[in-house]
Structure formats: C-alpha cells, structure tokens
C-alpha cells in the first residue's frame, strides 16, 4: 500500500515538474513574442514617420532659403556675411521684420518639430582652388611628416588637374592607381566630395579625419597608466583635412566666419591670426554676439605688420561674403529623431539653389 502511495506521489511530482516546465517555456515564448511585436510596431511607426520626416526636412530647407534670402535684404546683409547674423544663429541686431519672428530651433510642424543649423562653406578653403602654399601650410599645421607632404600635395594637384602627367611626387592613373588592387582611375577633374581625397596617393584616414576621429581605426594601446608614446610614434593630428577644406564653395574664404587655423593656412602667424579674430569678435571676445565687429572689407583686417606678402595674401585669399551654405535639419516625431543634410548655393535673394538633400 505504501508503495502505491509512493508511486502516486512520484507521478504527481513529475507531472507538476512537467507543467511548471511547460509554463516556463510558454512564458518565455510569450515574452519573446511580445518583445518582437513591440519592436515591429516601433519599426512600423518609424517607417510611417519617414515620409513625414522627409517633408519636414524639405520645409526646414525652405525656411533656411527664406532666412538666407531675407538676410541679403538687411543693411548689414548687403555688405557682408558674419557669425552674428540670423542665419548663423547669431544674436546681433535684426533689422528685418521678416527675420525677427523666426527661430532656428524647435519649429513645430504637423506631428513633429525641427531645428536648423546653417553653416557657410566659405569659412574653409576650397580644395579645388587651394594652391601649393595653402596645402603645404595645412599639412604643416596638422603635423604631417615632412617626408609625406610632397607626395600628398603633388597627388592632390594631379588628382584634380585634367592631364595625365604626374608631378614630381604625385600620381596618375597609369603609373599608380591602375596598379592598385582594386585598380581605379584618377579623377582628373574637380573634387566633388571631400571623401574623394581618401583615394589620393599618400592620404590616410588619420590625415583626412584627424587622429581623434572615430573614423580612424584605433591601435592597441597598453592599459598601463605610466605608458607614454614612443618618440617614433606618429604625431597626433588635431585637425583633419576634412576640417580645413570644402569641396563645394567659392574660391575665397570669408574672413568674418573662418577660424584661426584657416587664417594660418594663408600664411599668417598664429599670434596674428588670433589678433585678427579678437578684432572681429569685439569687446566680449565671443563670435556671434551683438558687439561683434565684422570686417567690411579685407583691407580692414588688422595685421600688425607692413609685410607686403601678408597684405597680398589677404587680398588673394579672403573676402567678406559667403555663397554656399550647409543646412542640417534635425527632425523629431514622437521621440524618433532623424537628421538631413542639404547644400544651398545663394547667388541673390531670388536665386538660392538646393544642390542636394539627403538623410544622415
């Protein structure tokens, strides 16, 4: 009798374990299915928002076109382009009623909102018009090894010229690029996008992006707090080529929007470059504020030197106008965020062309 009771209890225990196991498995399946459905629902919602996001981005670009057009109708906008103006997010005097009520941030449209960031391309040198002096100054500023500079400079010049004759340290299709694996042809034309330079002989991701960029592969570094780089380690490149040049812009640089590094590319001493920026920024020492003192002409640039070469460089390389503008539109709907990039070519208040618009 005891044996039968024992067997009955054993069977019940096994059945209980089986039931508990089944419940656990079913619970896991249900949890997985629920999570999958949530993900699918979220993806479906984001997909439905894509079309609205794109139209919102187009609206943002149209707002940027309007701002850039109206800026030219202001007294200061007729004279120069500067960082204290509305398009650049500056807080300078707004003398146009149409611009007074416009914000670059948090514009509500439909079910979402968008913000703009407008940046002129003329704050950097154009890679297609940069001469040997500017290219050499850039590589020196970037701490690129002197033994590599000649190769990079000549190769860039060869890449954008129309002939097939390589420079002293340069490269053309037949003698270099077609011998690579995979082979390709030299452009022999203007650079349309800065990333083309990654195909140029001598150019590396570190030189192009800068040492601190996430686009540069990281080498293995010992996890030792007392580790110090060896003397033969490559120098740290603070500014990448992509930070100093633009592919689509006017030939001259806007002195009212450029950086100190850009001024140095024209041959100005670092101290002189900082002196020029301090004069432009006004008493508070900040760009984009009410007390800014933008230059009305390159001849007004205060250079504490009578060196005629510096004066000639100022006249040759700099202007007070910007023509090409990058627009970053950040759109948001229900917590889902997406960015779009556009490039605008402004020739007059009535002629502002959208060169491209794409998602990031």
Foldseek 3Di string as FASTA:
>chain_A
DVVVVVVVVVVVVVVVVVVVVVVVVVVVVVVVVVVVVVVVVVVVVVVVCPVVQVVVVVVLVVVLLLQLLVLCVDPVNVQFDACQGVSQVFVADDPGPVSPPDAQPFDDDDQWTKHKHKDFQLLFAALLQDDLLLQLLLCVLQQPDPVLSVALRQQSVCLAAQDQDGDPNHHFQPPPQVPDVPHDGRNNHADPFLCVSCSTPSDDPCQAAWQPDPVDDDDDDDPDPPDDDDPPDRDGGHHHPPNRHGRDWDRAHALNYYALSRVVSLPDDSVLSLVQQQQQQADVSDTRYHRGDGDSFLVPRDGPDPPVSSVVSSVPHYGRYTFKMKMWMWMDGPNDIWIKIWMWGHDHSVDIDTPDMDTD
